[in-house]
Amino acid sequence: MRGPLRFGHPQQDVDTPRPTPKAKILLVEDHPTQAGELLAALERLGYASLWARSGAEGLVLAQSEAPDLTILDVVLGDIDGFAVCRWLKMRPETRDIPVIMLSVQGDVKDRVRGLHLGASDYLTKPCTDEELEAHIFAALRVQAAQSELRRRNSELEAMLHHVEAMAITDALTGLYNRRRFTDVLRNQFAVTKRYKNPLSCLLIDIDHFKSINDRHGHHAGDQVLQTVAQRLAADLREVDLAARYGGEEFAVLLPHTSKENAAVVAHRLLQVARTLEIEFDGTQLSVTVSIGVSSSTDLASDAQAEYLVRAADFALYRAKSEGRDRVVLFEPSMTPR
């Protein structure tokens, strides 16, 4: 049963802090007289207001107008206010809008029900302007604090992601660093041993890199590293992992790749390096690389993940000792296992 609203002008001696700037408030009330009185009270208090004449219209306006707060009558002709509140709190675009339930009934069960559905507060009719203002201000203050908390949490999450990315990324090249490569290697190696899928590794070394630094300076060397890294990443699959493993050394992990297919990838990267055009300070720099290739099939059944890199390193050493600018596949005869 509905009762009179009895909204009155605020007392002059009441010093209630008010949110600034004034909020936009959605009123969901299907009784024209009571809605008019409440809208007039909101206007006296300086709030912008929207009026929804039904629960369905309230849901539409809440989505389209994004009010700062919703005052929702419990008793509506089409949908009861509890159902409207439930829908508002279920939808991502409206769930953060505070809701004040409005009713002539002061039943405790109704209050608890509304709060359980996500309402911020419960206002019993009739009430004065001061009561209305106090409830609105409290709901908006809590909402502002929650919004600020969400903003700070979002900033902290972004900072955490940035720090985590820095911890696993090489600052110069943008590739993963050795730490990240080692972590992924161990995980992939465990998967390989369990499911018997081949896992291959490339170790790539830029030939005569020290000469580039000595002749053209370290900035030139940095540009060479960056260019090689960019092309390396561009020529690999998404499932592959490329990392800067050392000064001028890169490591590539190729999951589900046999030694023969890894050799194909290595020869392609060898050719890519030969065709790189690197301009520094008006000078065209050319580079070649040496690549060692190993595969999990080269290793004993009880071998550790690090042995895959060691095998590629033995092959790389052979490639450099045989004249550089070439690909060498690991063979067990290169070192006792």
C-alpha atoms as a PDB file:
ATOM      1  CA  MET A   1       0.000   0.000   0.000  1.00  0.00           C
ATOM      2  CA  ARG A   2       1.292   3.381  -0.988  1.00  0.00           C
ATOM      3  CA  GLY A   3       1.501   6.382   1.346  1.00  0.00           C
ATOM      4  CA  PRO A   4       2.268  10.090   1.005  1.00  0.00           C
ATOM      5  CA  LEU A   5       5.852  11.101   0.366  1.00  0.00           C
ATOM      6  CA  ARG A   6       5.765  14.302   2.453  1.00  0.00           C
ATOM      7  CA  PHE A   7       8.993  15.760   1.157  1.00  0.00           C
ATOM      8  CA  GLY A   8       9.875  19.113   2.750  1.00  0.00           C
ATOM      9  CA  HIS A   9      12.419  21.845   2.282  1.00  0.00           C
ATOM     10  CA  PRO A  10      15.773  21.315   4.015  1.00  0.00           C
ATOM     11  CA  GLN A  11      16.325  23.110   7.317  1.00  0.00           C
ATOM     12  CA  GLN A  12      18.659  26.066   7.065  1.00  0.00           C
ATOM     13  CA  ASP A  13      20.738  24.986  10.067  1.00  0.00           C
ATOM     14  CA  VAL A  14      21.522  21.546   8.683  1.00  0.00           C
ATOM     15  CA  ASP A  15      25.064  21.574   7.362  1.00  0.00           C
ATOM     16  CA  THR A  16      25.071  18.357   5.324  1.00  0.00           C
ATOM     17  CA  PRO A  17      27.987  17.960   2.879  1.00  0.00           C
ATOM     18  CA  ARG A  18      26.824  17.426  -0.662  1.00  0.00           C
ATOM     19  CA  PRO A  19      28.582  15.695  -3.546  1.00  0.00           C
ATOM     20  CA  THR A  20      29.971  18.030  -6.184  1.00  0.00           C
ATOM     21  CA  PRO A  21      29.346  18.195  -9.015  1.00  0.00           C
ATOM     22  CA  LYS A  22      25.693  17.242  -8.574  1.00  0.00           C
ATOM     23  CA  ALA A  23      24.865  13.729  -9.649  1.00  0.00           C
ATOM     24  CA  LYS A  24      22.387  12.476 -12.237  1.00  0.00           C
ATOM     25  CA  ILE A  25      19.750  10.346 -10.519  1.00  0.00           C
ATOM     26  CA  LEU A  26      17.343   7.900 -12.125  1.00  0.00           C
ATOM     27  CA  LEU A  27      13.976   7.571 -10.389  1.00  0.00           C
ATOM     28  CA  VAL A  28      12.019   4.395 -11.131  1.00  0.00           C
ATOM     29  CA  GLU A  29       8.484   5.095  -9.872  1.00  0.00           C
ATOM     30  CA  ASP A  30       5.184   4.301 -11.613  1.00  0.00           C
ATOM     31  CA  HIS A  31       2.961   6.524  -9.435  1.00  0.00           C
ATOM     32  CA  PRO A  32       2.853   9.974 -11.121  1.00  0.00           C
ATOM     33  CA  THR A  33       2.004  11.975  -7.999  1.00  0.00           C
ATOM     34  CA  GLN A  34       4.668  10.405  -5.827  1.00  0.00           C
ATOM     35  CA  ALA A  35       7.169  10.599  -8.674  1.00  0.00           C
ATOM     36  CA  GLY A  36       6.421  14.297  -9.110  1.00  0.00           C
ATOM     37  CA  GLU A  37       6.991  14.997  -5.426  1.00  0.00           C
ATOM     38  CA  LEU A  38      10.268  13.098  -5.408  1.00  0.00           C
ATOM     39  CA  LEU A  39      11.485  14.723  -8.627  1.00  0.00           C
ATOM     40  CA  ALA A  40      10.698  18.123  -7.126  1.00  0.00           C
ATOM     41  CA  ALA A  41      12.689  17.215  -4.022  1.00  0.00           C
ATOM     42  CA  LEU A  42      15.650  16.164  -6.157  1.00  0.00           C
ATOM     43  CA  GLU A  43      15.442  19.456  -8.036  1.00  0.00           C
ATOM     44  CA  ARG A  44      15.414  21.411  -4.773  1.00  0.00           C
ATOM     45  CA  LEU A  45      18.523  19.533  -3.707  1.00  0.00           C
ATOM     46  CA  GLY A  46      20.214  20.417  -6.988  1.00  0.00           C
ATOM     47  CA  TYR A  47      20.339  16.979  -8.616  1.00  0.00           C
ATOM     48  CA  ALA A  48      19.695  16.258 -12.275  1.00  0.00           C
ATOM     49  CA  SER A  49      17.004  13.608 -12.589  1.00  0.00           C
ATOM     50  CA  LEU A  50      15.519  11.082 -14.984  1.00  0.00           C
ATOM     51  CA  TRP A  51      12.111   9.472 -14.547  1.00  0.00           C
ATOM     52  CA  ALA A  52      11.291   5.917 -15.539  1.00  0.00           C
ATOM     53  CA  ARG A  53       7.567   5.163 -15.309  1.00  0.00           C
ATOM     54  CA  SER A  54       8.043   1.388 -15.131  1.00  0.00           C
ATOM     55  CA  GLY A  55      10.616  -1.217 -14.214  1.00  0.00           C
ATOM     56  CA  ALA A  56      11.215  -2.049 -17.865  1.00  0.00           C
ATOM     57  CA  GLU A  57      11.810   1.610 -18.741  1.00  0.00           C
ATOM     58  CA  GLY A  58      14.124   1.868 -15.743  1.00  0.00           C
ATOM     59  CA  LEU A  59      16.296  -0.945 -17.078  1.00  0.00           C
ATOM     60  CA  VAL A  60      16.502   0.763 -20.468  1.00  0.00           C
ATOM     61  CA  LEU A  61      17.369   4.188 -19.040  1.00  0.00           C
ATOM     62  CA  ALA A  62      19.933   2.735 -16.651  1.00  0.00           C
ATOM     63  CA  GLN A  63      21.806   1.302 -19.627  1.00  0.00           C
ATOM     64  CA  SER A  64      21.396   4.206 -22.033  1.00  0.00           C
ATOM     65  CA  GLU A  65      21.810   7.160 -19.648  1.00  0.00           C
ATOM     66  CA  ALA A  66      24.351   5.746 -17.155  1.00  0.00           C
ATOM     67  CA  PRO A  67      22.985   7.566 -14.091  1.00  0.00           C
ATOM     68  CA  ASP A  68      25.149   8.102 -11.037  1.00  0.00           C
ATOM     69  CA  LEU A  69      22.493   6.597  -8.775  1.00  0.00           C
ATOM     70  CA  THR A  70      19.110   4.895  -9.063  1.00  0.00           C
ATOM     71  CA  ILE A  71      16.201   5.363  -6.658  1.00  0.00           C
ATOM     72  CA  LEU A  72      13.987   2.335  -7.160  1.00  0.00           C
ATOM     73  CA  ASP A  73      10.492   1.843  -5.785  1.00  0.00           C
ATOM     74  CA  VAL A  74       9.884  -1.679  -4.539  1.00  0.00           C
ATOM     75  CA  VAL A  75       6.254  -1.719  -5.749  1.00  0.00           C
ATOM     76  CA  LEU A  76       5.959  -1.324  -9.519  1.00  0.00           C
ATOM     77  CA  GLY A  77       3.163  -2.268 -11.854  1.00  0.00           C
ATOM     78  CA  ASP A  78       5.124  -4.364 -14.346  1.00  0.00           C
ATOM     79  CA  ILE A  79       8.208  -5.702 -12.544  1.00  0.00           C
ATOM     80  CA  ASP A  80       8.766  -5.492  -8.816  1.00  0.00           C
ATOM     81  CA  GLY A  81      11.712  -3.407  -7.680  1.00  0.00           C
ATOM     82  CA  PHE A  82      13.621  -6.427  -6.377  1.00  0.00           C
ATOM     83  CA  ALA A  83      13.624  -7.990  -9.847  1.00  0.00           C
ATOM     84  CA  VAL A  84      14.761  -4.700 -11.381  1.00  0.00           C
ATOM     85  CA  CYS A  85      17.573  -4.453  -8.828  1.00  0.00           C
ATOM     86  CA  ARG A  86      18.632  -8.021  -9.580  1.00  0.00           C
ATOM     87  CA  TRP A  87      18.826  -7.289 -13.314  1.00  0.00           C
ATOM     88  CA  LEU A  88      20.749  -4.059 -12.756  1.00  0.00           C
ATOM     89  CA  LYS A  89      23.352  -5.864 -10.661  1.00  0.00           C
ATOM     90  CA  MET A  90      23.668  -8.708 -13.163  1.00  0.00           C
ATOM     91  CA  ARG A  91      24.529  -6.495 -16.127  1.00  0.00           C
ATOM     92  CA  PRO A  92      28.150  -5.305 -16.417  1.00  0.00           C
ATOM     93  CA  GLU A  93      27.138  -1.865 -17.698  1.00  0.00           C
ATOM     94  CA  THR A  94      24.840  -1.151 -14.715  1.00  0.00           C
ATOM     95  CA  ARG A  95      26.094  -3.288 -11.839  1.00  0.00           C
ATOM     96  CA  ASP A  96      28.257  -0.516 -10.360  1.00  0.00           C
ATOM     97  CA  ILE A  97      25.412   2.034 -10.213  1.00  0.00           C
ATOM     98  CA  PRO A  98      24.293   2.372  -6.569  1.00  0.00           C
ATOM     99  CA  VAL A  99      20.632   1.600  -5.921  1.00  0.00           C
ATOM    100  CA  ILE A 100      18.471   2.994  -3.128  1.00  0.00           C
ATOM    101  CA  MET A 101      15.289   0.968  -2.641  1.00  0.00           C
ATOM    102  CA  LEU A 102      12.194   3.058  -1.827  1.00  0.00           C
ATOM    103  CA  SER A 103       9.078   1.771  -0.060  1.00  0.00           C
ATOM    104  CA  VAL A 104       6.325   2.763   2.349  1.00  0.00           C
ATOM    105  CA  GLN A 105       6.961  -0.489   4.162  1.00  0.00           C
ATOM    106  CA  GLY A 106       9.704  -0.754   6.744  1.00  0.00           C
ATOM    107  CA  ASP A 107       9.729  -4.542   6.805  1.00  0.00           C
ATOM    108  CA  VAL A 108      13.119  -5.877   7.887  1.00  0.00           C
ATOM    109  CA  LYS A 109      12.898  -8.845   5.509  1.00  0.00           C
ATOM    110  CA  ASP A 110      12.373  -6.502   2.566  1.00  0.00           C
ATOM    111  CA  ARG A 111      15.375  -4.427   3.624  1.00  0.00           C
ATOM    112  CA  VAL A 112      17.567  -7.497   3.936  1.00  0.00           C
ATOM    113  CA  ARG A 113      16.312  -8.829   0.607  1.00  0.00           C
ATOM    114  CA  GLY A 114      17.158  -5.595  -1.161  1.00  0.00           C
ATOM    115  CA  LEU A 115      20.622  -5.421   0.359  1.00  0.00           C
ATOM    116  CA  HIS A 116      21.301  -9.045  -0.570  1.00  0.00           C
ATOM    117  CA  LEU A 117      20.379  -8.230  -4.167  1.00  0.00           C
ATOM    118  CA  GLY A 118      23.014  -5.492  -4.216  1.00  0.00           C
ATOM    119  CA  ALA A 119      21.112  -2.375  -3.200  1.00  0.00           C
ATOM    120  CA  SER A 120      23.241   0.208  -1.418  1.00  0.00           C
ATOM    121  CA  ASP A 121      20.526   1.490   0.901  1.00  0.00           C
ATOM    122  CA  TYR A 122      16.830   1.370   1.757  1.00  0.00           C
ATOM    123  CA  LEU A 123      14.711   4.501   2.199  1.00  0.00           C
ATOM    124  CA  THR A 124      11.272   4.390   3.802  1.00  0.00           C
ATOM    125  CA  LYS A 125       8.524   6.783   2.678  1.00  0.00           C
ATOM    126  CA  PRO A 126       7.649   9.382   3.843  1.00  0.00           C
ATOM    127  CA  CYS A 127      10.932  11.191   4.401  1.00  0.00           C
ATOM    128  CA  THR A 128      12.239  14.737   4.455  1.00  0.00           C
ATOM    129  CA  ASP A 129      14.610  16.365   2.009  1.00  0.00           C
ATOM    130  CA  GLU A 130      17.342  16.060   4.621  1.00  0.00           C
ATOM    131  CA  GLU A 131      16.845  12.301   4.898  1.00  0.00           C
ATOM    132  CA  LEU A 132      16.785  11.947   1.126  1.00  0.00           C
ATOM    133  CA  GLU A 133      19.934  14.023   0.767  1.00  0.00           C
ATOM    134  CA  ALA A 134      21.745  12.074   3.477  1.00  0.00           C
ATOM    135  CA  HIS A 135      20.939   8.701   1.894  1.00  0.00           C
ATOM    136  CA  ILE A 136      21.941   9.909  -1.570  1.00  0.00           C
ATOM    137  CA  PHE A 137      25.164  11.441  -0.304  1.00  0.00           C
ATOM    138  CA  ALA A 138      26.114   8.293   1.621  1.00  0.00           C
ATOM    139  CA  ALA A 139      25.467   6.037  -1.383  1.00  0.00           C
ATOM    140  CA  LEU A 140      27.442   8.286  -3.725  1.00  0.00           C
ATOM    141  CA  ARG A 141      30.290   8.591  -1.241  1.00  0.00           C
ATOM    142  CA  VAL A 142      30.575   4.806  -0.975  1.00  0.00           C
ATOM    143  CA  GLN A 143      30.360   4.534  -4.762  1.00  0.00           C
ATOM    144  CA  ALA A 144      33.112   7.134  -5.189  1.00  0.00           C
ATOM    145  CA  ALA A 145      35.327   5.249  -2.739  1.00  0.00           C
ATOM    146  CA  GLN A 146      34.681   1.973  -4.556  1.00  0.00           C
ATOM    147  CA  SER A 147      35.434   3.592  -7.923  1.00  0.00           C
ATOM    148  CA  GLU A 148      38.668   5.011  -6.570  1.00  0.00           C
ATOM    149  CA  LEU A 149      39.580   1.610  -5.162  1.00  0.00           C
ATOM    150  CA  ARG A 150      38.890  -0.033  -8.533  1.00  0.00           C
ATOM    151  CA  ARG A 151      40.991   2.623 -10.264  1.00  0.00           C
ATOM    152  CA  ARG A 152      43.901   2.110  -7.905  1.00  0.00           C
ATOM    153  CA  ASN A 153      43.625  -1.659  -8.184  1.00  0.00           C
ATOM    154  CA  SER A 154      43.655  -1.325 -11.961  1.00  0.00           C
ATOM    155  CA  GLU A 155      46.769   0.844 -11.774  1.00  0.00           C
ATOM    156  CA  LEU A 156      48.436  -1.631  -9.431  1.00  0.00           C
ATOM    157  CA  GLU A 157      47.576  -4.516 -11.751  1.00  0.00           C
ATOM    158  CA  ALA A 158      49.002  -2.593 -14.703  1.00  0.00           C
ATOM    159  CA  MET A 159      52.168  -1.857 -12.727  1.00  0.00           C
ATOM    160  CA  LEU A 160      52.425  -5.504 -11.697  1.00  0.00           C
ATOM    161  CA  HIS A 161      52.049  -6.665 -15.294  1.00  0.00           C
ATOM    162  CA  HIS A 162      54.698  -4.148 -16.334  1.00  0.00           C
ATOM    163  CA  VAL A 163      57.104  -5.313 -13.639  1.00  0.00           C
ATOM    164  CA  GLU A 164      56.451  -8.955 -14.521  1.00  0.00           C
ATOM    165  CA  ALA A 165      57.070  -8.192 -18.197  1.00  0.00           C
ATOM    166  CA  MET A 166      60.308  -6.381 -17.365  1.00  0.00           C
ATOM    167  CA  ALA A 167      61.454  -9.357 -15.299  1.00  0.00           C
ATOM    168  CA  ILE A 168      61.210 -11.715 -18.286  1.00  0.00           C
ATOM    169  CA  THR A 169      62.020  -9.356 -21.167  1.00  0.00           C
ATOM    170  CA  ASP A 170      65.339  -8.198 -22.569  1.00  0.00           C
ATOM    171  CA  ALA A 171      65.245  -4.411 -22.456  1.00  0.00           C
ATOM    172  CA  LEU A 172      67.292  -3.864 -25.614  1.00  0.00           C
ATOM    173  CA  THR A 173      65.676  -6.285 -28.054  1.00  0.00           C
ATOM    174  CA  GLY A 174      62.200  -6.779 -26.616  1.00  0.00           C
ATOM    175  CA  LEU A 175      62.633 -10.549 -26.775  1.00  0.00           C
ATOM    176  CA  TYR A 176      62.314 -12.773 -23.751  1.00  0.00           C
ATOM    177  CA  ASN A 177      65.413 -12.962 -21.591  1.00  0.00           C
ATOM    178  CA  ARG A 178      67.433 -15.995 -20.564  1.00  0.00           C
ATOM    179  CA  ARG A 179      65.469 -16.451 -17.350  1.00  0.00           C
ATOM    180  CA  ARG A 180      62.168 -16.707 -19.203  1.00  0.00           C
ATOM    181  CA  PHE A 181      63.670 -19.001 -21.811  1.00  0.00           C
ATOM    182  CA  THR A 182      64.934 -21.359 -19.119  1.00  0.00           C
ATOM    183  CA  ASP A 183      61.546 -21.477 -17.390  1.00  0.00           C
ATOM    184  CA  VAL A 184      59.706 -22.253 -20.625  1.00  0.00           C
ATOM    185  CA  LEU A 185      62.375 -24.773 -21.632  1.00  0.00           C
ATOM    186  CA  ARG A 186      61.847 -26.749 -18.439  1.00  0.00           C
ATOM    187  CA  ASN A 187      58.075 -26.731 -18.821  1.00  0.00           C
ATOM    188  CA  GLN A 188      58.189 -27.710 -22.488  1.00  0.00           C
ATOM    189  CA  PHE A 189      60.784 -30.385 -21.815  1.00  0.00           C
ATOM    190  CA  ALA A 190      58.526 -31.959 -19.175  1.00  0.00           C
ATOM    191  CA  VAL A 191      55.653 -31.984 -21.679  1.00  0.00           C
ATOM    192  CA  THR A 192      57.934 -33.498 -24.306  1.00  0.00           C
ATOM    193  CA  LYS A 193      59.041 -36.311 -22.024  1.00  0.00           C
ATOM    194  CA  ARG A 194      55.464 -37.076 -21.032  1.00  0.00           C
ATOM    195  CA  TYR A 195      53.835 -37.033 -24.471  1.00  0.00           C
ATOM    196  CA  LYS A 196      56.889 -37.980 -26.580  1.00  0.00           C
ATOM    197  CA  ASN A 197      56.539 -34.923 -28.802  1.00  0.00           C
ATOM    198  CA  PRO A 198      59.777 -33.633 -30.347  1.00  0.00           C
ATOM    199  CA  LEU A 199      61.265 -30.415 -29.013  1.00  0.00           C
ATOM    200  CA  SER A 200      64.083 -28.637 -30.812  1.00  0.00           C
ATOM    201  CA  CYS A 201      66.408 -25.799 -29.893  1.00  0.00           C
ATOM    202  CA  LEU A 202      68.437 -23.313 -31.936  1.00  0.00           C
ATOM    203  CA  LEU A 203      71.360 -21.315 -30.602  1.00  0.00           C
ATOM    204  CA  ILE A 204      72.171 -18.388 -32.877  1.00  0.00           C
ATOM    205  CA  ASP A 205      75.326 -16.311 -32.623  1.00  0.00           C
ATOM    206  CA  ILE A 206      76.031 -13.146 -34.626  1.00  0.00           C
ATOM    207  CA  ASP A 207      79.358 -13.632 -36.369  1.00  0.00           C
ATOM    208  CA  HIS A 208      82.181 -11.166 -35.664  1.00  0.00           C
ATOM    209  CA  PHE A 209      79.931  -9.065 -33.460  1.00  0.00           C
ATOM    210  CA  LYS A 210      82.886  -7.702 -31.503  1.00  0.00           C
ATOM    211  CA  SER A 211      84.316  -6.294 -34.717  1.00  0.00           C
ATOM    212  CA  ILE A 212      81.086  -4.377 -35.318  1.00  0.00           C
ATOM    213  CA  ASN A 213      81.321  -2.824 -31.863  1.00  0.00           C
ATOM    214  CA  ASP A 214      85.017  -2.038 -32.262  1.00  0.00           C
ATOM    215  CA  ARG A 215      84.642  -0.511 -35.716  1.00  0.00           C
ATOM    216  CA  HIS A 216      81.308   1.310 -35.464  1.00  0.00           C
ATOM    217  CA  GLY A 217      80.661   1.653 -31.739  1.00  0.00           C
ATOM    218  CA  HIS A 218      78.260   0.054 -29.308  1.00  0.00           C
ATOM    219  CA  HIS A 219      75.254   1.954 -30.656  1.00  0.00           C
ATOM    220  CA  ALA A 220      75.785   0.224 -33.977  1.00  0.00           C
ATOM    221  CA  GLY A 221      76.029  -3.091 -32.175  1.00  0.00           C
ATOM    222  CA  ASP A 222      72.771  -2.375 -30.376  1.00  0.00           C
ATOM    223  CA  GLN A 223      71.044  -1.622 -33.664  1.00  0.00           C
ATOM    224  CA  VAL A 224      72.315  -4.887 -35.124  1.00  0.00           C
ATOM    225  CA  LEU A 225      70.971  -6.801 -32.129  1.00  0.00           C
ATOM    226  CA  GLN A 226      67.602  -5.085 -32.373  1.00  0.00           C
ATOM    227  CA  THR A 227      67.286  -5.712 -36.100  1.00  0.00           C
ATOM    228  CA  VAL A 228      68.244  -9.366 -35.839  1.00  0.00           C
ATOM    229  CA  ALA A 229      65.821  -9.816 -32.931  1.00  0.00           C
ATOM    230  CA  GLN A 230      62.937  -8.222 -34.845  1.00  0.00           C
ATOM    231  CA  ARG A 231      63.445 -10.426 -37.901  1.00  0.00           C
ATOM    232  CA  LEU A 232      63.944 -13.466 -35.730  1.00  0.00           C
ATOM    233  CA  ALA A 233      60.618 -12.929 -33.975  1.00  0.00           C
ATOM    234  CA  ALA A 234      58.845 -12.170 -37.253  1.00  0.00           C
ATOM    235  CA  ASP A 235      59.978 -15.407 -38.908  1.00  0.00           C
ATOM    236  CA  LEU A 236      58.846 -17.779 -36.158  1.00  0.00           C
ATOM    237  CA  ARG A 237      55.505 -19.309 -35.266  1.00  0.00           C
ATOM    238  CA  GLU A 238      53.432 -18.061 -32.360  1.00  0.00           C
ATOM    239  CA  VAL A 239      54.127 -21.282 -30.457  1.00  0.00           C
ATOM    240  CA  ASP A 240      57.886 -20.817 -30.809  1.00  0.00           C
ATOM    241  CA  LEU A 241      59.884 -18.848 -28.284  1.00  0.00           C
ATOM    242  CA  ALA A 242      62.816 -16.588 -29.100  1.00  0.00           C
ATOM    243  CA  ALA A 243      65.046 -15.093 -26.425  1.00  0.00           C
ATOM    244  CA  ARG A 244      68.234 -13.139 -26.094  1.00  0.00           C
ATOM    245  CA  TYR A 245      70.405 -15.745 -24.413  1.00  0.00           C
ATOM    246  CA  GLY A 246      73.656 -13.830 -24.066  1.00  0.00           C
ATOM    247  CA  GLY A 247      75.490 -10.800 -25.440  1.00  0.00           C
ATOM    248  CA  GLU A 248      75.129 -11.538 -29.165  1.00  0.00           C
ATOM    249  CA  GLU A 249      73.518 -14.930 -28.761  1.00  0.00           C
ATOM    250  CA  PHE A 250      69.881 -15.838 -29.263  1.00  0.00           C
ATOM    251  CA  ALA A 251      68.034 -19.017 -28.335  1.00  0.00           C
ATOM    252  CA  VAL A 252      64.936 -20.382 -30.038  1.00  0.00           C
ATOM    253  CA  LEU A 253      62.661 -23.098 -28.712  1.00  0.00           C
ATOM    254  CA  LEU A 254      60.613 -25.013 -31.299  1.00  0.00           C
ATOM    255  CA  PRO A 255      57.875 -27.176 -29.738  1.00  0.00           C
ATOM    256  CA  HIS A 256      56.497 -30.130 -31.715  1.00  0.00           C
ATOM    257  CA  THR A 257      59.359 -29.772 -34.181  1.00  0.00           C
ATOM    258  CA  SER A 258      61.619 -32.581 -35.301  1.00  0.00           C
ATOM    259  CA  LYS A 259      65.334 -32.107 -35.799  1.00  0.00           C
ATOM    260  CA  GLU A 260      64.885 -32.170 -39.575  1.00  0.00           C
ATOM    261  CA  ASN A 261      62.211 -29.462 -39.498  1.00  0.00           C
ATOM    262  CA  ALA A 262      64.286 -27.448 -37.055  1.00  0.00           C
ATOM    263  CA  ALA A 263      67.128 -27.569 -39.570  1.00  0.00           C
ATOM    264  CA  VAL A 264      64.784 -26.114 -42.194  1.00  0.00           C
ATOM    265  CA  VAL A 265      63.926 -23.256 -39.834  1.00  0.00           C
ATOM    266  CA  ALA A 266      67.613 -22.696 -39.064  1.00  0.00           C
ATOM    267  CA  HIS A 267      68.579 -22.490 -42.739  1.00  0.00           C
ATOM    268  CA  ARG A 268      65.764 -20.031 -43.363  1.00  0.00           C
ATOM    269  CA  LEU A 269      66.979 -17.820 -40.512  1.00  0.00           C
ATOM    270  CA  LEU A 270      70.521 -18.104 -41.830  1.00  0.00           C
ATOM    271  CA  GLN A 271      69.365 -16.735 -45.176  1.00  0.00           C
ATOM    272  CA  VAL A 272      67.322 -13.994 -43.501  1.00  0.00           C
ATOM    273  CA  ALA A 273      70.423 -12.792 -41.661  1.00  0.00           C
ATOM    274  CA  ARG A 274      72.420 -12.680 -44.888  1.00  0.00           C
ATOM    275  CA  THR A 275      69.853 -10.409 -46.520  1.00  0.00           C
ATOM    276  CA  LEU A 276      69.426  -7.973 -43.638  1.00  0.00           C
ATOM    277  CA  GLU A 277      70.021  -4.340 -44.516  1.00  0.00           C
ATOM    278  CA  ILE A 278      71.121  -2.438 -41.435  1.00  0.00           C
ATOM    279  CA  GLU A 279      71.938   1.226 -41.862  1.00  0.00           C
ATOM    280  CA  PHE A 280      73.813   3.028 -39.117  1.00  0.00           C
ATOM    281  CA  ASP A 281      75.107   6.571 -39.359  1.00  0.00           C
ATOM    282  CA  GLY A 282      75.117   6.435 -43.149  1.00  0.00           C
ATOM    283  CA  THR A 283      76.870   3.067 -43.272  1.00  0.00           C
ATOM    284  CA  GLN A 284      75.336  -0.194 -44.474  1.00  0.00           C
ATOM    285  CA  LEU A 285      76.107  -2.994 -42.051  1.00  0.00           C
ATOM    286  CA  SER A 286      75.842  -6.628 -43.034  1.00  0.00           C
ATOM    287  CA  VAL A 287      75.812  -9.617 -40.720  1.00  0.00           C
ATOM    288  CA  THR A 288      75.884 -13.372 -40.809  1.00  0.00           C
ATOM    289  CA  VAL A 289      75.027 -15.837 -38.087  1.00  0.00           C
ATOM    290  CA  SER A 290      76.087 -19.282 -36.968  1.00  0.00           C
ATOM    291  CA  ILE A 291      73.390 -21.656 -35.758  1.00  0.00           C
ATOM    292  CA  GLY A 292      73.545 -24.822 -33.695  1.00  0.00           C
ATOM    293  CA  VAL A 293      70.552 -27.166 -33.761  1.00  0.00           C
ATOM    294  CA  SER A 294      69.585 -29.830 -31.243  1.00  0.00           C
ATOM    295  CA  SER A 295      66.500 -31.921 -30.584  1.00  0.00           C
ATOM    296  CA  SER A 296      65.086 -33.903 -27.698  1.00  0.00           C
ATOM    297  CA  THR A 297      65.617 -37.034 -29.790  1.00  0.00           C
ATOM    298  CA  ASP A 298      69.379 -36.451 -29.417  1.00  0.00           C
ATOM    299  CA  LEU A 299      69.227 -36.910 -25.663  1.00  0.00           C
ATOM    300  CA  ALA A 300      69.148 -39.868 -23.348  1.00  0.00           C
ATOM    301  CA  SER A 301      65.800 -40.670 -21.735  1.00  0.00           C
ATOM    302  CA  ASP A 302      66.997 -39.442 -18.335  1.00  0.00           C
ATOM    303  CA  ALA A 303      68.521 -36.189 -19.644  1.00  0.00           C
ATOM    304  CA  GLN A 304      67.639 -32.853 -18.055  1.00  0.00           C
ATOM    305  CA  ALA A 305      66.152 -29.907 -19.940  1.00  0.00           C
ATOM    306  CA  GLU A 306      69.436 -27.984 -19.848  1.00  0.00           C
ATOM    307  CA  TYR A 307      71.087 -30.721 -21.924  1.00  0.00           C
ATOM    308  CA  LEU A 308      69.020 -29.605 -24.917  1.00  0.00           C
ATOM    309  CA  VAL A 309      70.712 -26.194 -24.822  1.00  0.00           C
ATOM    310  CA  ARG A 310      74.116 -27.752 -24.172  1.00  0.00           C
ATOM    311  CA  ALA A 311      73.709 -29.918 -27.256  1.00  0.00           C
ATOM    312  CA  ALA A 312      72.799 -26.880 -29.368  1.00  0.00           C
ATOM    313  CA  ASP A 313      75.813 -25.087 -27.906  1.00  0.00           C
ATOM    314  CA  PHE A 314      78.144 -27.903 -28.995  1.00  0.00           C
ATOM    315  CA  ALA A 315      76.683 -27.673 -32.498  1.00  0.00           C
ATOM    316  CA  LEU A 316      77.091 -23.886 -32.484  1.00  0.00           C
ATOM    317  CA  TYR A 317      80.727 -24.230 -31.447  1.00  0.00           C
ATOM    318  CA  ARG A 318      81.272 -26.587 -34.384  1.00  0.00           C
ATOM    319  CA  ALA A 319      79.586 -24.114 -36.761  1.00  0.00           C
ATOM    320  CA  LYS A 320      81.878 -21.294 -35.649  1.00  0.00           C
ATOM    321  CA  SER A 321      84.999 -23.429 -35.740  1.00  0.00           C
ATOM    322  CA  GLU A 322      84.186 -24.534 -39.288  1.00  0.00           C
ATOM    323  CA  GLY A 323      84.074 -20.962 -40.586  1.00  0.00           C
ATOM    324  CA  ARG A 324      80.786 -19.435 -39.319  1.00  0.00           C
ATOM    325  CA  ASP A 325      77.778 -18.435 -41.453  1.00  0.00           C
ATOM    326  CA  ARG A 326      76.380 -21.951 -41.367  1.00  0.00           C
ATOM    327  CA  VAL A 327      74.013 -24.360 -39.650  1.00  0.00           C
ATOM    328  CA  VAL A 328      75.310 -27.408 -37.799  1.00  0.00           C
ATOM    329  CA  LEU A 329      73.129 -30.145 -36.331  1.00  0.00           C
ATOM    330  CA  PHE A 330      74.154 -31.735 -33.083  1.00  0.00           C
ATOM    331  CA  GLU A 331      75.566 -35.229 -33.248  1.00  0.00           C
ATOM    332  CA  PRO A 332      76.266 -37.437 -30.218  1.00  0.00           C
ATOM    333  CA  SER A 333      79.895 -37.750 -31.319  1.00  0.00           C
ATOM    334  CA  MET A 334      80.469 -34.057 -30.585  1.00  0.00           C
ATOM    335  CA  THR A 335      80.686 -34.784 -26.863  1.00  0.00           C
ATOM    336  CA  PRO A 336      80.180 -37.788 -24.624  1.00  0.00           C
ATOM    337  CA  ARG A 337      76.681 -37.940 -23.141  1.00  0.00           C
END
